[in-house]
Amino acid sequence: MNWLVLVLAGLVEVAWAQSIKPTQNFTRPLPTLLCLVLMAAAVWLLSQAMNTLPVGTAYAVFTGIGAVGAIALGIVLHDDPVSVGRMAALALIVGGIVLARVTT
């Protein structure tokens, strides 16, 4: 169950990362409020997952999901560049997440 909570925390982190830019340097109140709520939710979910998962594993998986999601959404939504190097980096991150899961 805590792995499911951890995946949810990572997905909320992806949403949080996407919510930062619309705040326009935290000058827009409603986007800023949404950003802060998403940030708090992601960290709270991460803390719940850490009740039984090792801290290092949980944090690595959490940030890995966030990184993969942020890069993928950047490519899909914001026309961020796609290159062999970026795809290799994503593959390594995903591989690390899978390895952390199967060895914990």
PDB file of N, CA and C in Angstrom:
ATOM      1  N   MET A   1       0.815  -1.198   0.000  1.00  0.00           N
ATOM      2  CA  MET A   1       0.000   0.000   0.000  1.00  0.00           C
ATOM      3  C   MET A   1       0.861   1.266   0.000  1.00  0.00           C
ATOM      4  N   ASN A   2       1.968   1.245   0.747  1.00  0.00           N
ATOM      5  CA  ASN A   2       2.808   2.443   0.796  1.00  0.00           C
ATOM      6  C   ASN A   2       3.479   2.729  -0.543  1.00  0.00           C
ATOM      7  N   TRP A   3       3.692   1.686  -1.356  1.00  0.00           N
ATOM      8  CA  TRP A   3       4.236   1.938  -2.699  1.00  0.00           C
ATOM      9  C   TRP A   3       3.211   2.677  -3.548  1.00  0.00           C
ATOM     10  N   LEU A   4       1.947   2.360  -3.374  1.00  0.00           N
ATOM     11  CA  LEU A   4       0.894   3.062  -4.099  1.00  0.00           C
ATOM     12  C   LEU A   4       0.828   4.526  -3.664  1.00  0.00           C
ATOM     13  N   VAL A   5       0.930   4.750  -2.363  1.00  0.00           N
ATOM     14  CA  VAL A   5       0.955   6.118  -1.831  1.00  0.00           C
ATOM     15  C   VAL A   5       2.171   6.862  -2.376  1.00  0.00           C
ATOM     16  N   LEU A   6       3.300   6.187  -2.467  1.00  0.00           N
ATOM     17  CA  LEU A   6       4.509   6.809  -2.988  1.00  0.00           C
ATOM     18  C   LEU A   6       4.349   7.190  -4.464  1.00  0.00           C
ATOM     19  N   VAL A   7       3.754   6.320  -5.251  1.00  0.00           N
ATOM     20  CA  VAL A   7       3.509   6.641  -6.667  1.00  0.00           C
ATOM     21  C   VAL A   7       2.567   7.837  -6.766  1.00  0.00           C
ATOM     22  N   LEU A   8       1.530   7.857  -5.935  1.00  0.00           N
ATOM     23  CA  LEU A   8       0.608   8.995  -5.928  1.00  0.00           C
ATOM     24  C   LEU A   8       1.347  10.276  -5.547  1.00  0.00           C
ATOM     25  N   ALA A   9       2.230  10.199  -4.569  1.00  0.00           N
ATOM     26  CA  ALA A   9       3.031  11.369  -4.174  1.00  0.00           C
ATOM     27  C   ALA A   9       3.855  11.865  -5.354  1.00  0.00           C
ATOM     28  N   GLY A  10       4.459  10.944  -6.104  1.00  0.00           N
ATOM     29  CA  GLY A  10       5.240  11.323  -7.276  1.00  0.00           C
ATOM     30  C   GLY A  10       4.393  11.987  -8.341  1.00  0.00           C
ATOM     31  N   LEU A  11       3.187  11.474  -8.547  1.00  0.00           N
ATOM     32  CA  LEU A  11       2.289  12.078  -9.546  1.00  0.00           C
ATOM     33  C   LEU A  11       1.840  13.477  -9.117  1.00  0.00           C
ATOM     34  N   VAL A  12       1.595  13.639  -7.824  1.00  0.00           N
ATOM     35  CA  VAL A  12       1.242  14.974  -7.324  1.00  0.00           C
ATOM     36  C   VAL A  12       2.438  15.913  -7.473  1.00  0.00           C
ATOM     37  N   GLU A  13       3.630  15.377  -7.298  1.00  0.00           N
ATOM     38  CA  GLU A  13       4.826  16.209  -7.500  1.00  0.00           C
ATOM     39  C   GLU A  13       4.923  16.674  -8.950  1.00  0.00           C
ATOM     40  N   VAL A  14       4.562  15.814  -9.888  1.00  0.00           N
ATOM     41  CA  VAL A  14       4.557  16.204 -11.300  1.00  0.00           C
ATOM     42  C   VAL A  14       3.579  17.364 -11.504  1.00  0.00           C
ATOM     43  N   ALA A  15       2.387  17.244 -10.931  1.00  0.00           N
ATOM     44  CA  ALA A  15       1.400  18.326 -11.038  1.00  0.00           C
ATOM     45  C   ALA A  15       1.939  19.599 -10.395  1.00  0.00           C
ATOM     46  N   TRP A  16       2.593  19.440  -9.247  1.00  0.00           N
ATOM     47  CA  TRP A  16       3.170  20.603  -8.571  1.00  0.00           C
ATOM     48  C   TRP A  16       4.213  21.285  -9.455  1.00  0.00           C
ATOM     49  N   ALA A  17       5.086  20.503 -10.061  1.00  0.00           N
ATOM     50  CA  ALA A  17       6.118  21.076 -10.926  1.00  0.00           C
ATOM     51  C   ALA A  17       5.492  21.860 -12.073  1.00  0.00           C
ATOM     52  N   GLN A  18       4.410  21.327 -12.628  1.00  0.00           N
ATOM     53  CA  GLN A  18       3.730  22.017 -13.729  1.00  0.00           C
ATOM     54  C   GLN A  18       2.994  23.265 -13.252  1.00  0.00           C
ATOM     55  N   SER A  19       2.673  23.318 -11.966  1.00  0.00           N
ATOM     56  CA  SER A  19       1.915  24.457 -11.437  1.00  0.00           C
ATOM     57  C   SER A  19       2.792  25.654 -11.088  1.00  0.00           C
ATOM     58  N   ILE A  20       4.098  25.499 -11.128  1.00  0.00           N
ATOM     59  CA  ILE A  20       4.982  26.600 -10.714  1.00  0.00           C
ATOM     60  C   ILE A  20       4.986  27.735 -11.730  1.00  0.00           C
ATOM     61  N   LYS A  21       5.155  27.431 -12.992  1.00  0.00           N
ATOM     62  CA  LYS A  21       5.265  28.469 -14.016  1.00  0.00           C
ATOM     63  C   LYS A  21       4.047  29.394 -14.067  1.00  0.00           C
ATOM     64  N   PRO A  22       2.822  28.870 -13.998  1.00  0.00           N
ATOM     65  CA  PRO A  22       1.662  29.772 -14.042  1.00  0.00           C
ATOM     66  C   PRO A  22       1.573  30.766 -12.880  1.00  0.00           C
ATOM     67  N   THR A  23       2.351  30.556 -11.826  1.00  0.00           N
ATOM     68  CA  THR A  23       2.332  31.525 -10.720  1.00  0.00           C
ATOM     69  C   THR A  23       3.009  32.840 -11.111  1.00  0.00           C
ATOM     70  N   GLN A  24       3.769  32.794 -12.210  1.00  0.00           N
ATOM     71  CA  GLN A  24       4.544  33.955 -12.670  1.00  0.00           C
ATOM     72  C   GLN A  24       5.344  34.559 -11.512  1.00  0.00           C
ATOM     73  N   ASN A  25       6.275  33.744 -11.023  1.00  0.00           N
ATOM     74  CA  ASN A  25       7.146  34.122  -9.899  1.00  0.00           C
ATOM     75  C   ASN A  25       6.351  34.417  -8.635  1.00  0.00           C
ATOM     76  N   PHE A  26       5.292  33.647  -8.431  1.00  0.00           N
ATOM     77  CA  PHE A  26       4.441  33.746  -7.247  1.00  0.00           C
ATOM     78  C   PHE A  26       3.788  35.119  -7.101  1.00  0.00           C
ATOM     79  N   THR A  27       3.452  35.719  -8.238  1.00  0.00           N
ATOM     80  CA  THR A  27       2.769  37.019  -8.225  1.00  0.00           C
ATOM     81  C   THR A  27       1.273  36.886  -8.486  1.00  0.00           C
ATOM     82  N   ARG A  28       0.810  35.696  -8.877  1.00  0.00           N
ATOM     83  CA  ARG A  28      -0.616  35.471  -9.140  1.00  0.00           C
ATOM     84  C   ARG A  28      -1.193  34.650  -7.993  1.00  0.00           C
ATOM     85  N   PRO A  29      -2.132  35.203  -7.247  1.00  0.00           N
ATOM     86  CA  PRO A  29      -2.610  34.551  -6.018  1.00  0.00           C
ATOM     87  C   PRO A  29      -3.216  33.154  -6.205  1.00  0.00           C
ATOM     88  N   LEU A  30      -4.139  32.962  -7.128  1.00  0.00           N
ATOM     89  CA  LEU A  30      -4.777  31.659  -7.254  1.00  0.00           C
ATOM     90  C   LEU A  30      -3.834  30.574  -7.749  1.00  0.00           C
ATOM     91  N   PRO A  31      -3.038  30.828  -8.808  1.00  0.00           N
ATOM     92  CA  PRO A  31      -2.055  29.805  -9.188  1.00  0.00           C
ATOM     93  C   PRO A  31      -1.038  29.531  -8.079  1.00  0.00           C
ATOM     94  N   THR A  32      -0.669  30.560  -7.327  1.00  0.00           N
ATOM     95  CA  THR A  32       0.271  30.376  -6.218  1.00  0.00           C
ATOM     96  C   THR A  32      -0.347  29.497  -5.139  1.00  0.00           C
ATOM     97  N   LEU A  33      -1.621  29.720  -4.823  1.00  0.00           N
ATOM     98  CA  LEU A  33      -2.302  28.899  -3.830  1.00  0.00           C
ATOM     99  C   LEU A  33      -2.361  27.441  -4.283  1.00  0.00           C
ATOM    100  N   LEU A  34      -2.716  27.221  -5.550  1.00  0.00           N
ATOM    101  CA  LEU A  34      -2.748  25.861  -6.088  1.00  0.00           C
ATOM    102  C   LEU A  34      -1.364  25.218  -5.996  1.00  0.00           C
ATOM    103  N   CYS A  35      -0.340  25.957  -6.346  1.00  0.00           N
ATOM    104  CA  CYS A  35       1.034  25.458  -6.291  1.00  0.00           C
ATOM    105  C   CYS A  35       1.395  25.032  -4.868  1.00  0.00           C
ATOM    106  N   LEU A  36       1.070  25.855  -3.900  1.00  0.00           N
ATOM    107  CA  LEU A  36       1.405  25.549  -2.511  1.00  0.00           C
ATOM    108  C   LEU A  36       0.620  24.343  -1.992  1.00  0.00           C
ATOM    109  N   VAL A  37      -0.645  24.230  -2.391  1.00  0.00           N
ATOM    110  CA  VAL A  37      -1.454  23.081  -1.979  1.00  0.00           C
ATOM    111  C   VAL A  37      -0.878  21.791  -2.569  1.00  0.00           C
ATOM    112  N   LEU A  38      -0.514  21.826  -3.853  1.00  0.00           N
ATOM    113  CA  LEU A  38       0.070  20.643  -4.486  1.00  0.00           C
ATOM    114  C   LEU A  38       1.401  20.266  -3.832  1.00  0.00           C
ATOM    115  N   MET A  39       2.206  21.272  -3.519  1.00  0.00           N
ATOM    116  CA  MET A  39       3.492  21.015  -2.870  1.00  0.00           C
ATOM    117  C   MET A  39       3.275  20.340  -1.517  1.00  0.00           C
ATOM    118  N   ALA A  40       2.366  20.887  -0.722  1.00  0.00           N
ATOM    119  CA  ALA A  40       2.097  20.316   0.601  1.00  0.00           C
ATOM    120  C   ALA A  40       1.536  18.901   0.476  1.00  0.00           C
ATOM    121  N   ALA A  41       0.655  18.681  -0.484  1.00  0.00           N
ATOM    122  CA  ALA A  41       0.067  17.352  -0.671  1.00  0.00           C
ATOM    123  C   ALA A  41       1.133  16.334  -1.062  1.00  0.00           C
ATOM    124  N   ALA A  42       2.028  16.722  -1.957  1.00  0.00           N
ATOM    125  CA  ALA A  42       3.094  15.808  -2.394  1.00  0.00           C
ATOM    126  C   ALA A  42       3.990  15.418  -1.223  1.00  0.00           C
ATOM    127  N   VAL A  43       4.378  16.394  -0.426  1.00  0.00           N
ATOM    128  CA  VAL A  43       5.269  16.117   0.704  1.00  0.00           C
ATOM    129  C   VAL A  43       4.542  15.308   1.780  1.00  0.00           C
ATOM    130  N   TRP A  44       3.270  15.593   2.010  1.00  0.00           N
ATOM    131  CA  TRP A  44       2.507  14.825   2.993  1.00  0.00           C
ATOM    132  C   TRP A  44       2.385  13.369   2.555  1.00  0.00           C
ATOM    133  N   LEU A  45       2.049  13.149   1.287  1.00  0.00           N
ATOM    134  CA  LEU A  45       1.955  11.777   0.786  1.00  0.00           C
ATOM    135  C   LEU A  45       3.307  11.060   0.888  1.00  0.00           C
ATOM    136  N   LEU A  46       4.382  11.773   0.553  1.00  0.00           N
ATOM    137  CA  LEU A  46       5.723  11.188   0.693  1.00  0.00           C
ATOM    138  C   LEU A  46       5.980  10.788   2.141  1.00  0.00           C
ATOM    139  N   SER A  47       5.611  11.646   3.074  1.00  0.00           N
ATOM    140  CA  SER A  47       5.840  11.333   4.493  1.00  0.00           C
ATOM    141  C   SER A  47       5.042  10.106   4.921  1.00  0.00           C
ATOM    142  N   GLN A  48       3.845   9.937   4.379  1.00  0.00           N
ATOM    143  CA  GLN A  48       3.042   8.758   4.699  1.00  0.00           C
ATOM    144  C   GLN A  48       3.712   7.487   4.177  1.00  0.00           C
ATOM    145  N   ALA A  49       4.246   7.562   2.963  1.00  0.00           N
ATOM    146  CA  ALA A  49       4.932   6.401   2.391  1.00  0.00           C
ATOM    147  C   ALA A  49       6.173   6.039   3.192  1.00  0.00           C
ATOM    148  N   MET A  50       6.817   7.046   3.771  1.00  0.00           N
ATOM    149  CA  MET A  50       8.038   6.806   4.539  1.00  0.00           C
ATOM    150  C   MET A  50       7.776   6.147   5.884  1.00  0.00           C
ATOM    151  N   ASN A  51       6.505   5.946   6.232  1.00  0.00           N
ATOM    152  CA  ASN A  51       6.218   5.259   7.492  1.00  0.00           C
ATOM    153  C   ASN A  51       6.754   3.837   7.489  1.00  0.00           C
ATOM    154  N   THR A  52       6.787   3.205   6.302  1.00  0.00           N
ATOM    155  CA  THR A  52       7.286   1.834   6.240  1.00  0.00           C
ATOM    156  C   THR A  52       8.393   1.637   5.212  1.00  0.00           C
ATOM    157  N   LEU A  53       8.532   2.565   4.283  1.00  0.00           N
ATOM    158  CA  LEU A  53       9.586   2.445   3.273  1.00  0.00           C
ATOM    159  C   LEU A  53      10.849   3.155   3.740  1.00  0.00           C
ATOM    160  N   PRO A  54      12.015   2.666   3.345  1.00  0.00           N
ATOM    161  CA  PRO A  54      13.251   3.366   3.701  1.00  0.00           C
ATOM    162  C   PRO A  54      13.254   4.789   3.132  1.00  0.00           C
ATOM    163  N   VAL A  55      13.743   5.725   3.911  1.00  0.00           N
ATOM    164  CA  VAL A  55      13.739   7.137   3.521  1.00  0.00           C
ATOM    165  C   VAL A  55      14.444   7.354   2.183  1.00  0.00           C
ATOM    166  N   GLY A  56      15.638   6.808   2.045  1.00  0.00           N
ATOM    167  CA  GLY A  56      16.400   7.017   0.807  1.00  0.00           C
ATOM    168  C   GLY A  56      15.693   6.462  -0.416  1.00  0.00           C
ATOM    169  N   THR A  57      15.132   5.267  -0.284  1.00  0.00           N
ATOM    170  CA  THR A  57      14.408   4.657  -1.395  1.00  0.00           C
ATOM    171  C   THR A  57      13.183   5.477  -1.743  1.00  0.00           C
ATOM    172  N   ALA A  58      12.411   5.847  -0.729  1.00  0.00           N
ATOM    173  CA  ALA A  58      11.182   6.605  -0.970  1.00  0.00           C
ATOM    174  C   ALA A  58      11.490   7.939  -1.650  1.00  0.00           C
ATOM    175  N   TYR A  59      12.493   8.633  -1.158  1.00  0.00           N
ATOM    176  CA  TYR A  59      12.803   9.942  -1.736  1.00  0.00           C
ATOM    177  C   TYR A  59      13.337   9.805  -3.159  1.00  0.00           C
ATOM    178  N   ALA A  60      14.174   8.811  -3.399  1.00  0.00           N
ATOM    179  CA  ALA A  60      14.709   8.607  -4.752  1.00  0.00           C
ATOM    180  C   ALA A  60      13.593   8.284  -5.746  1.00  0.00           C
ATOM    181  N   VAL A  61      12.666   7.438  -5.350  1.00  0.00           N
ATOM    182  CA  VAL A  61      11.548   7.088  -6.225  1.00  0.00           C
ATOM    183  C   VAL A  61      10.651   8.308  -6.440  1.00  0.00           C
ATOM    184  N   PHE A  62      10.364   9.039  -5.383  1.00  0.00           N
ATOM    185  CA  PHE A  62       9.540  10.247  -5.444  1.00  0.00           C
ATOM    186  C   PHE A  62      10.119  11.260  -6.432  1.00  0.00           C
ATOM    187  N   THR A  63      11.400  11.565  -6.280  1.00  0.00           N
ATOM    188  CA  THR A  63      12.017  12.550  -7.183  1.00  0.00           C
ATOM    189  C   THR A  63      12.182  11.987  -8.588  1.00  0.00           C
ATOM    190  N   GLY A  64      12.387  10.681  -8.692  1.00  0.00           N
ATOM    191  CA  GLY A  64      12.491  10.066 -10.016  1.00  0.00           C
ATOM    192  C   GLY A  64      11.190  10.176 -10.792  1.00  0.00           C
ATOM    193  N   ILE A  65      10.079   9.871 -10.123  1.00  0.00           N
ATOM    194  CA  ILE A  65       8.771  10.014 -10.775  1.00  0.00           C
ATOM    195  C   ILE A  65       8.557  11.470 -11.169  1.00  0.00           C
ATOM    196  N   GLY A  66       8.913  12.372 -10.290  1.00  0.00           N
ATOM    197  CA  GLY A  66       8.767  13.797 -10.590  1.00  0.00           C
ATOM    198  C   GLY A  66       9.591  14.226 -11.787  1.00  0.00           C
ATOM    199  N   ALA A  67      10.826  13.753 -11.851  1.00  0.00           N
ATOM    200  CA  ALA A  67      11.704  14.118 -12.969  1.00  0.00           C
ATOM    201  C   ALA A  67      11.195  13.561 -14.290  1.00  0.00           C
ATOM    202  N   VAL A  68      10.823  12.294 -14.283  1.00  0.00           N
ATOM    203  CA  VAL A  68      10.317  11.667 -15.513  1.00  0.00           C
ATOM    204  C   VAL A  68       9.044  12.372 -15.967  1.00  0.00           C
ATOM    205  N   GLY A  69       8.139  12.612 -15.030  1.00  0.00           N
ATOM    206  CA  GLY A  69       6.884  13.277 -15.377  1.00  0.00           C
ATOM    207  C   GLY A  69       7.089  14.687 -15.877  1.00  0.00           C
ATOM    208  N   ALA A  70       7.976  15.429 -15.232  1.00  0.00           N
ATOM    209  CA  ALA A  70       8.227  16.807 -15.651  1.00  0.00           C
ATOM    210  C   ALA A  70       8.846  16.860 -17.045  1.00  0.00           C
ATOM    211  N   ILE A  71       9.780  15.975 -17.313  1.00  0.00           N
ATOM    212  CA  ILE A  71      10.398  15.940 -18.643  1.00  0.00           C
ATOM    213  C   ILE A  71       9.380  15.514 -19.693  1.00  0.00           C
ATOM    214  N   ALA A  72       8.612  14.477 -19.395  1.00  0.00           N
ATOM    215  CA  ALA A  72       7.620  13.987 -20.361  1.00  0.00           C
ATOM    216  C   ALA A  72       6.566  15.049 -20.660  1.00  0.00           C
ATOM    217  N   LEU A  73       6.050  15.697 -19.626  1.00  0.00           N
ATOM    218  CA  LEU A  73       5.055  16.746 -19.870  1.00  0.00           C
ATOM    219  C   LEU A  73       5.664  17.957 -20.561  1.00  0.00           C
ATOM    220  N   GLY A  74       6.905  18.238 -20.265  1.00  0.00           N
ATOM    221  CA  GLY A  74       7.583  19.330 -20.967  1.00  0.00           C
ATOM    222  C   GLY A  74       7.655  19.061 -22.459  1.00  0.00           C
ATOM    223  N   ILE A  75       7.928  17.822 -22.811  1.00  0.00           N
ATOM    224  CA  ILE A  75       8.001  17.442 -24.229  1.00  0.00           C
ATOM    225  C   ILE A  75       6.614  17.517 -24.870  1.00  0.00           C
ATOM    226  N   VAL A  76       5.613  16.977 -24.187  1.00  0.00           N
ATOM    227  CA  VAL A  76       4.264  16.894 -24.752  1.00  0.00           C
ATOM    228  C   VAL A  76       3.549  18.250 -24.762  1.00  0.00           C
ATOM    229  N   LEU A  77       3.641  18.986 -23.670  1.00  0.00           N
ATOM    230  CA  LEU A  77       2.865  20.213 -23.535  1.00  0.00           C
ATOM    231  C   LEU A  77       3.599  21.485 -23.928  1.00  0.00           C
ATOM    232  N   HIS A  78       4.918  21.480 -23.790  1.00  0.00           N
ATOM    233  CA  HIS A  78       5.667  22.727 -23.979  1.00  0.00           C
ATOM    234  C   HIS A  78       6.698  22.654 -25.097  1.00  0.00           C
ATOM    235  N   ASP A  79       6.627  21.601 -25.893  1.00  0.00           N
ATOM    236  CA  ASP A  79       7.553  21.430 -27.016  1.00  0.00           C
ATOM    237  C   ASP A  79       9.018  21.476 -26.594  1.00  0.00           C
ATOM    238  N   ASP A  80       9.319  20.937 -25.402  1.00  0.00           N
ATOM    239  CA  ASP A  80      10.715  20.825 -24.985  1.00  0.00           C
ATOM    240  C   ASP A  80      11.441  19.888 -25.952  1.00  0.00           C
ATOM    241  N   PRO A  81      12.728  20.082 -26.125  1.00  0.00           N
ATOM    242  CA  PRO A  81      13.461  19.264 -27.103  1.00  0.00           C
ATOM    243  C   PRO A  81      13.536  17.789 -26.709  1.00  0.00           C
ATOM    244  N   VAL A  82      13.520  16.944 -27.730  1.00  0.00           N
ATOM    245  CA  VAL A  82      13.687  15.502 -27.553  1.00  0.00           C
ATOM    246  C   VAL A  82      15.021  15.135 -28.181  1.00  0.00           C
ATOM    247  N   SER A  83      15.833  14.413 -27.423  1.00  0.00           N
ATOM    248  CA  SER A  83      17.121  13.980 -27.954  1.00  0.00           C
ATOM    249  C   SER A  83      17.425  12.586 -27.426  1.00  0.00           C
ATOM    250  N   VAL A  84      18.369  11.955 -28.050  1.00  0.00           N
ATOM    251  CA  VAL A  84      18.780  10.625 -27.604  1.00  0.00           C
ATOM    252  C   VAL A  84      19.285  10.699 -26.159  1.00  0.00           C
ATOM    253  N   GLY A  85      20.026  11.731 -25.833  1.00  0.00           N
ATOM    254  CA  GLY A  85      20.551  11.882 -24.479  1.00  0.00           C
ATOM    255  C   GLY A  85      19.454  12.019 -23.440  1.00  0.00           C
ATOM    256  N   ARG A  86      18.443  12.813 -23.734  1.00  0.00           N
ATOM    257  CA  ARG A  86      17.329  12.988 -22.788  1.00  0.00           C
ATOM    258  C   ARG A  86      16.553  11.691 -22.616  1.00  0.00           C
ATOM    259  N   MET A  87      16.343  10.979 -23.714  1.00  0.00           N
ATOM    260  CA  MET A  87      15.616   9.713 -23.625  1.00  0.00           C
ATOM    261  C   MET A  87      16.429   8.674 -22.855  1.00  0.00           C
ATOM    262  N   ALA A  88      17.746   8.685 -23.041  1.00  0.00           N
ATOM    263  CA  ALA A  88      18.612   7.780 -22.286  1.00  0.00           C
ATOM    264  C   ALA A  88      18.564   8.121 -20.800  1.00  0.00           C
ATOM    265  N   ALA A  89      18.555   9.407 -20.482  1.00  0.00           N
ATOM    266  CA  ALA A  89      18.465   9.832 -19.087  1.00  0.00           C
ATOM    267  C   ALA A  89      17.153   9.361 -18.473  1.00  0.00           C
ATOM    268  N   LEU A  90      16.052   9.510 -19.208  1.00  0.00           N
ATOM    269  CA  LEU A  90      14.760   9.035 -18.712  1.00  0.00           C
ATOM    270  C   LEU A  90      14.778   7.528 -18.477  1.00  0.00           C
ATOM    271  N   ALA A  91      15.360   6.796 -19.414  1.00  0.00           N
ATOM    272  CA  ALA A  91      15.433   5.342 -19.273  1.00  0.00           C
ATOM    273  C   ALA A  91      16.234   4.956 -18.033  1.00  0.00           C
ATOM    274  N   LEU A  92      17.318   5.657 -17.769  1.00  0.00           N
ATOM    275  CA  LEU A  92      18.120   5.367 -16.580  1.00  0.00           C
ATOM    276  C   LEU A  92      17.352   5.669 -15.295  1.00  0.00           C
ATOM    277  N   ILE A  93      16.605   6.765 -15.289  1.00  0.00           N
ATOM    278  CA  ILE A  93      15.811   7.105 -14.107  1.00  0.00           C
ATOM    279  C   ILE A  93      14.753   6.040 -13.866  1.00  0.00           C
ATOM    280  N   VAL A  94      14.023   5.670 -14.923  1.00  0.00           N
ATOM    281  CA  VAL A  94      12.996   4.634 -14.789  1.00  0.00           C
ATOM    282  C   VAL A  94      13.630   3.322 -14.334  1.00  0.00           C
ATOM    283  N   GLY A  95      14.765   2.981 -14.890  1.00  0.00           N
ATOM    284  CA  GLY A  95      15.467   1.766 -14.468  1.00  0.00           C
ATOM    285  C   GLY A  95      15.839   1.820 -13.001  1.00  0.00           C
ATOM    286  N   GLY A  96      16.274   2.976 -12.541  1.00  0.00           N
ATOM    287  CA  GLY A  96      16.611   3.137 -11.130  1.00  0.00           C
ATOM    288  C   GLY A  96      15.398   2.989 -10.224  1.00  0.00           C
ATOM    289  N   ILE A  97      14.267   3.532 -10.653  1.00  0.00           N
ATOM    290  CA  ILE A  97      13.033   3.403  -9.873  1.00  0.00           C
ATOM    291  C   ILE A  97      12.626   1.928  -9.783  1.00  0.00           C
ATOM    292  N   VAL A  98      12.667   1.239 -10.903  1.00  0.00           N
ATOM    293  CA  VAL A  98      12.304  -0.180 -10.918  1.00  0.00           C
ATOM    294  C   VAL A  98      13.266  -0.981 -10.037  1.00  0.00           C
ATOM    295  N   LEU A  99      14.552  -0.712 -10.155  1.00  0.00           N
ATOM    296  CA  LEU A  99      15.530  -1.412  -9.329  1.00  0.00           C
ATOM    297  C   LEU A  99      15.305  -1.148  -7.842  1.00  0.00           C
ATOM    298  N   ALA A 100      14.988   0.090  -7.500  1.00  0.00           N
ATOM    299  CA  ALA A 100      14.709   0.402  -6.096  1.00  0.00           C
ATOM    300  C   ALA A 100      13.497  -0.376  -5.602  1.00  0.00           C
ATOM    301  N   ARG A 101      12.500  -0.506  -6.451  1.00  0.00           N
ATOM    302  CA  ARG A 101      11.282  -1.229  -6.059  1.00  0.00           C
ATOM    303  C   ARG A 101      11.553  -2.722  -5.848  1.00  0.00           C
ATOM    304  N   VAL A 102      12.243  -3.343  -6.779  1.00  0.00           N
ATOM    305  CA  VAL A 102      12.440  -4.788  -6.676  1.00  0.00           C
ATOM    306  C   VAL A 102      13.470  -5.184  -5.619  1.00  0.00           C
ATOM    307  N   THR A 103      14.289  -4.271  -5.188  1.00  0.00           N
ATOM    308  CA  THR A 103      15.303  -4.605  -4.182  1.00  0.00           C
ATOM    309  C   THR A 103      14.935  -4.125  -2.789  1.00  0.00           C
ATOM    310  N   THR A 104      13.759  -3.529  -2.638  1.00  0.00           N
ATOM    311  CA  THR A 104      13.326  -3.066  -1.304  1.00  0.00           C
ATOM    312  C   THR A 104      12.394  -4.064  -0.692  1.00  0.00           C
TER     313      THR A 104
END
